[in-house]
Amino acid sequence: MAEAQARQRGGYAEDVSAERLAEIGLRFEVDGEIATITLDRPEKRNAQTFATWSALARIGENLPEQVRVVVVKGEGPSFSAGIDLRMFTPEGVPGQGSFSSAATSGDSDIAQSVSKAQAGFLWLRRPEIVSIAAVQGHAIGAGFQLALSCDLRIVADDVKFCMKEPALGLVPDLTGTKPLVELVGLAKAIDICLTARTVHADEAMRIGLAEKVVAGSDLEQAVRDKVAELLATNRDAAIATKRLLQGAQGRSLEEQCAAEGREQAARLKALFGG
């Protein structure tokens, strides 16, 4: 009965039921055109595990078609402090294993595991949605990359971005390197990653990591305001425009002009073609 109710509320499958997500430390709620994903392990500063990434991927696979905006946020004082440190121990997270056990697998198995984890982040870039990270407190490692996987970042003035992986002997592998370089440039991305230093709110705003900085008490309202602005735009035009913007860096000016023409032709036919 609970799973059936979950499907009716959000349109998602049994393996991302509210009960299962609660066990993992996530909440997923759908209200009309708005979906909200909440990292819900505040006692662990919303640290992430293999199960977190798998559940995020399943949410993306089962996202209801009516959803236009996805908000990703963290419960408590931190957005996400990154990877659950138990994953670095030989015992790992109960039922999920550890990096130690993963390291004994072949290269193809490791690559497959990384790819599965990345699937939890990649879908947030789909053109049919706009994703917003509402970030307060710590956004470290996997938490930083989750914020980077979203289209927009609205942050509290206490935010602390940090790409911790190189300091741990690892590389950032949860899809965060490309958007970081695109947002801040290669030199700044190298500085942020290879020093594993903390980027505070004022710098995040200055270098393009954040679209808006607000007081922590105003974060929820600032996100609501942005969602309302996004939903005021025609949905099909928004999808087509995001698709154009996403492809712009990989095209020449002439190619982008041609892509604009194709998208506009499709819009005009939809609006006036009968």
Protein backbone atom coordinates (compact mmCIF):
# COMPACT_ATOMS: atom_id res chain seq x y z
CA MET A 1 0.00 0.00 0.00
CA ALA A 2 2.78 2.47 0.93
CA GLU A 3 4.60 1.77 -2.33
CA ALA A 4 1.42 2.24 -4.34
CA GLN A 5 0.84 5.56 -2.60
CA ALA A 6 4.42 6.57 -3.36
CA ARG A 7 3.87 5.84 -7.04
CA GLN A 8 0.67 7.86 -7.06
CA ARG A 9 2.36 10.84 -5.41
CA GLY A 10 5.51 10.91 -7.46
CA GLY A 11 5.17 8.46 -10.32
CA TYR A 12 8.36 6.59 -9.40
CA ALA A 13 9.03 2.89 -9.15
CA GLU A 14 9.09 0.62 -6.14
CA ASP A 15 12.89 0.61 -5.83
CA VAL A 16 12.78 4.35 -5.05
CA SER A 17 9.87 4.15 -2.65
CA ALA A 18 9.86 6.61 0.25
CA GLU A 19 10.66 3.79 2.66
CA ARG A 20 13.70 2.60 0.73
CA LEU A 21 14.98 6.13 0.21
CA ALA A 22 14.65 6.82 3.94
CA GLU A 23 16.88 3.82 4.64
CA ILE A 24 19.50 5.27 2.29
CA GLY A 25 19.16 8.79 3.64
CA LEU A 26 17.21 10.52 0.87
CA ARG A 27 13.80 12.08 0.40
CA PHE A 28 12.10 12.54 -2.95
CA GLU A 29 8.95 14.62 -3.30
CA VAL A 30 7.00 15.76 -6.35
CA ASP A 31 4.62 18.71 -6.27
CA GLY A 32 3.23 19.29 -9.74
CA GLU A 33 6.08 20.49 -11.96
CA ILE A 34 8.60 20.63 -9.10
CA ALA A 35 10.62 17.69 -7.75
CA THR A 36 12.72 18.01 -4.61
CA ILE A 37 15.56 15.66 -3.67
CA THR A 38 16.76 16.03 -0.10
CA LEU A 39 19.93 14.45 1.23
CA ASP A 40 18.67 13.39 4.63
CA ARG A 41 21.53 12.20 6.82
CA PRO A 42 22.12 15.37 8.84
CA GLU A 43 23.85 13.43 11.63
CA LYS A 44 26.48 12.45 9.01
CA ARG A 45 26.46 15.86 7.30
CA ASN A 46 24.65 14.13 4.43
CA ALA A 47 27.63 11.98 3.52
CA GLN A 48 27.07 9.91 0.36
CA THR A 49 27.49 6.19 -0.30
CA PHE A 50 27.20 3.78 -3.22
CA ALA A 51 23.52 3.45 -2.33
CA THR A 52 23.04 7.23 -2.52
CA TRP A 53 24.34 7.32 -6.09
CA SER A 54 22.31 4.30 -7.15
CA ALA A 55 19.13 5.82 -5.71
CA LEU A 56 19.81 9.15 -7.43
CA ALA A 57 20.14 7.30 -10.74
CA ARG A 58 16.85 5.48 -10.20
CA ILE A 59 15.11 8.74 -9.34
CA GLY A 60 16.31 10.16 -12.65
CA GLU A 61 15.15 7.07 -14.53
CA ASN A 62 11.68 7.33 -13.00
CA LEU A 63 11.24 11.10 -12.92
CA PRO A 64 7.61 11.98 -13.70
CA GLU A 65 7.18 13.55 -17.13
CA GLN A 66 5.44 16.65 -15.77
CA VAL A 67 8.50 17.73 -13.73
CA ARG A 68 10.21 20.85 -15.06
CA VAL A 69 12.40 21.87 -12.11
CA VAL A 70 14.42 19.64 -9.79
CA VAL A 71 15.71 21.10 -6.53
CA VAL A 72 18.55 19.29 -4.76
CA LYS A 73 19.19 20.22 -1.15
CA GLY A 74 20.58 18.90 2.12
CA GLU A 75 18.87 18.52 5.48
CA GLY A 76 20.57 20.25 8.40
CA PRO A 77 23.55 22.62 8.45
CA SER A 78 25.45 21.00 5.54
CA PHE A 79 24.57 20.27 1.92
CA SER A 80 26.88 17.26 1.82
CA ALA A 81 30.27 16.62 3.40
CA GLY A 82 31.14 14.22 0.60
CA ILE A 83 31.81 10.49 0.74
CA ASP A 84 30.93 8.49 3.83
CA LEU A 85 34.33 7.86 5.42
CA ARG A 86 33.41 4.24 6.15
CA MET A 87 33.90 3.63 2.43
CA PHE A 88 37.63 4.08 3.00
CA THR A 89 37.79 1.34 5.65
CA PRO A 90 38.25 -2.38 4.87
CA GLU A 91 34.79 -3.09 6.32
CA GLY A 92 33.10 -0.38 4.27
CA VAL A 93 29.42 0.48 4.54
CA PRO A 94 27.34 -2.54 5.59
CA GLY A 95 25.88 -4.20 2.52
CA GLN A 96 27.70 -1.85 0.12
CA GLY A 97 31.37 -2.72 0.30
CA SER A 98 34.26 -0.26 0.25
CA PHE A 99 36.85 1.33 -2.00
CA SER A 100 39.27 -1.29 -0.71
CA SER A 101 37.12 -4.12 -2.05
CA ALA A 102 36.53 -2.24 -5.29
CA ALA A 103 40.27 -1.83 -5.80
CA THR A 104 40.73 -5.61 -5.95
CA SER A 105 38.41 -5.80 -8.97
CA GLY A 106 39.62 -5.56 -12.53
CA ASP A 107 39.91 -2.24 -14.30
CA SER A 108 36.74 -2.90 -16.30
CA ASP A 109 34.79 -3.61 -13.10
CA ILE A 110 36.05 -0.40 -11.52
CA ALA A 111 35.16 1.61 -14.63
CA GLN A 112 31.69 0.07 -14.63
CA SER A 113 31.19 0.95 -10.96
CA VAL A 114 32.25 4.54 -11.62
CA SER A 115 29.89 4.74 -14.58
CA LYS A 116 26.99 3.52 -12.45
CA ALA A 117 27.76 6.15 -9.81
CA GLN A 118 28.00 8.89 -12.44
CA ALA A 119 24.51 8.00 -13.68
CA GLY A 120 23.13 9.48 -10.46
CA PHE A 121 24.56 12.87 -11.43
CA LEU A 122 24.32 13.00 -15.23
CA TRP A 123 20.53 13.07 -15.54
CA LEU A 124 20.33 16.40 -13.70
CA ARG A 125 21.60 18.06 -16.90
CA ARG A 126 18.81 16.79 -19.16
CA PRO A 127 17.34 19.58 -21.34
CA GLU A 128 13.75 18.89 -20.30
CA ILE A 129 14.46 19.96 -16.70
CA VAL A 130 16.29 22.74 -14.91
CA SER A 131 18.13 21.58 -11.80
CA ILE A 132 18.92 23.84 -8.86
CA ALA A 133 21.30 23.05 -6.02
CA ALA A 134 20.35 24.83 -2.79
CA VAL A 135 23.67 24.73 -0.97
CA GLN A 136 24.44 25.60 2.63
CA GLY A 137 27.43 24.76 4.79
CA HIS A 138 29.75 22.03 3.59
CA ALA A 139 29.72 20.95 -0.07
CA ILE A 140 32.82 18.78 -0.12
CA GLY A 141 34.02 16.27 -2.69
CA ALA A 142 30.96 14.33 -3.85
CA GLY A 143 28.83 17.11 -2.36
CA PHE A 144 30.64 19.73 -4.46
CA GLN A 145 30.23 17.55 -7.55
CA LEU A 146 26.52 17.07 -6.89
CA ALA A 147 26.14 20.85 -6.75
CA LEU A 148 28.18 21.16 -9.96
CA SER A 149 25.92 18.64 -11.70
CA CYS A 150 23.00 21.03 -11.32
CA ASP A 151 22.31 23.82 -13.80
CA LEU A 152 22.13 26.53 -11.11
CA ARG A 153 23.55 26.94 -7.62
CA ILE A 154 21.91 29.21 -5.07
CA VAL A 155 24.05 29.24 -1.94
CA ALA A 156 23.94 30.38 1.65
CA ASP A 157 26.59 32.78 2.87
CA ASP A 158 28.17 30.03 4.98
CA VAL A 159 28.85 27.71 2.03
CA LYS A 160 32.17 25.87 1.89
CA PHE A 161 32.99 24.29 -1.47
CA CYS A 162 35.98 21.93 -1.51
CA MET A 163 37.19 19.33 -4.03
CA LYS A 164 38.77 17.01 -1.50
CA GLU A 165 39.48 13.95 -3.67
CA PRO A 166 43.10 14.76 -4.69
CA ALA A 167 44.02 15.22 -1.03
CA LEU A 168 42.72 11.69 -0.42
CA GLY A 169 44.74 10.22 -3.30
CA LEU A 170 41.71 10.08 -5.61
CA VAL A 171 40.40 12.06 -8.57
CA PRO A 172 36.98 13.75 -8.81
CA ASP A 173 34.99 11.21 -10.83
CA LEU A 174 31.33 12.11 -10.25
CA THR A 175 31.02 14.34 -13.35
CA GLY A 176 32.26 17.50 -11.61
CA THR A 177 35.48 18.28 -13.50
CA LYS A 178 33.92 19.44 -16.79
CA PRO A 179 31.39 21.89 -15.31
CA LEU A 180 34.04 23.22 -12.92
CA VAL A 181 36.39 24.05 -15.80
CA GLU A 182 33.52 25.52 -17.83
CA LEU A 183 32.41 27.71 -14.93
CA VAL A 184 35.73 29.01 -13.58
CA GLY A 185 38.34 28.28 -16.27
CA LEU A 186 41.18 25.77 -16.35
CA ALA A 187 43.67 27.63 -14.15
CA LYS A 188 41.18 28.29 -11.37
CA ALA A 189 39.89 24.70 -11.55
CA ILE A 190 43.45 23.39 -11.18
CA ASP A 191 43.98 25.66 -8.18
CA ILE A 192 40.73 24.58 -6.50
CA CYS A 193 41.25 20.86 -7.08
CA LEU A 194 44.98 20.41 -6.59
CA THR A 195 45.11 22.45 -3.39
CA ALA A 196 41.83 21.01 -2.06
CA ARG A 197 41.23 24.44 -0.58
CA THR A 198 37.89 25.82 0.55
CA VAL A 199 35.95 28.22 -1.66
CA HIS A 200 33.69 30.47 0.41
CA ALA A 201 30.53 32.25 -0.69
CA ASP A 202 32.09 35.53 -1.79
CA GLU A 203 34.63 33.82 -4.05
CA ALA A 204 32.01 31.35 -5.33
CA MET A 205 29.88 34.26 -6.49
CA ARG A 206 32.84 36.14 -7.97
CA ILE A 207 34.18 33.23 -10.06
CA GLY A 208 30.83 31.93 -11.25
CA LEU A 209 30.22 28.90 -9.03
CA ALA A 210 27.09 30.49 -7.59
CA GLU A 211 24.26 32.37 -9.27
CA LYS A 212 23.15 33.95 -6.00
CA VAL A 213 24.34 34.20 -2.39
CA VAL A 214 21.83 34.77 0.40
CA ALA A 215 21.68 34.51 4.16
CA GLY A 216 21.05 30.97 5.32
CA SER A 217 17.61 31.91 6.60
CA ASP A 218 16.69 33.20 3.13
CA LEU A 219 17.91 30.20 1.11
CA GLU A 220 14.59 28.40 0.89
CA GLN A 221 12.73 31.50 -0.25
CA ALA A 222 15.42 32.38 -2.79
CA VAL A 223 15.05 28.92 -4.33
CA ARG A 224 11.26 29.22 -4.40
CA ASP A 225 11.56 32.56 -6.17
CA LYS A 226 13.92 31.13 -8.80
CA VAL A 227 11.65 28.14 -9.37
CA ALA A 228 8.70 30.48 -9.95
CA GLU A 229 10.72 32.48 -12.49
CA LEU A 230 11.72 29.33 -14.36
CA LEU A 231 8.18 27.96 -14.47
CA ALA A 232 6.92 31.23 -15.95
CA THR A 233 8.73 30.41 -19.20
CA ASN A 234 7.11 28.35 -21.95
CA ARG A 235 8.18 24.75 -21.34
CA ASP A 236 8.94 23.74 -24.94
CA ALA A 237 10.84 26.96 -25.59
CA ALA A 238 12.83 26.42 -22.38
CA ILE A 239 13.78 22.88 -23.40
CA ALA A 240 14.86 23.99 -26.87
CA THR A 241 16.84 26.95 -25.50
CA LYS A 242 18.65 24.82 -22.90
CA ARG A 243 19.50 22.33 -25.63
CA LEU A 244 20.98 25.17 -27.71
CA LEU A 245 22.99 26.52 -24.80
CA GLN A 246 24.35 23.12 -23.85
CA GLY A 247 25.60 22.50 -27.37
CA ALA A 248 27.04 25.96 -27.93
CA GLN A 249 30.58 25.31 -26.68
CA GLY A 250 31.04 22.35 -28.98
CA ARG A 251 29.93 24.19 -32.11
CA SER A 252 31.42 26.86 -34.31
CA LEU A 253 29.47 30.12 -34.67
CA GLU A 254 28.16 28.96 -38.03
CA GLU A 255 27.07 25.62 -36.59
CA GLN A 256 25.37 27.34 -33.67
CA CYS A 257 23.52 29.68 -36.03
CA ALA A 258 22.28 26.68 -37.98
CA ALA A 259 21.18 24.96 -34.76
CA GLU A 260 19.28 28.08 -33.74
CA GLY A 261 17.52 28.09 -37.08
CA ARG A 262 16.46 24.46 -36.74
CA GLU A 263 15.15 24.97 -33.21
CA GLN A 264 13.28 28.13 -34.18
CA ALA A 265 11.72 26.43 -37.19
CA ALA A 266 10.41 23.70 -34.91
CA ARG A 267 9.02 26.26 -32.47
CA LEU A 268 7.29 28.31 -35.17
CA LYS A 269 5.71 25.19 -36.64
CA ALA A 270 4.50 24.15 -33.19
CA LEU A 271 3.04 27.60 -32.47
CA PHE A 272 1.57 28.53 -35.84
CA GLY A 273 1.69 25.49 -38.06
CA GLY A 274 -1.73 24.25 -37.08
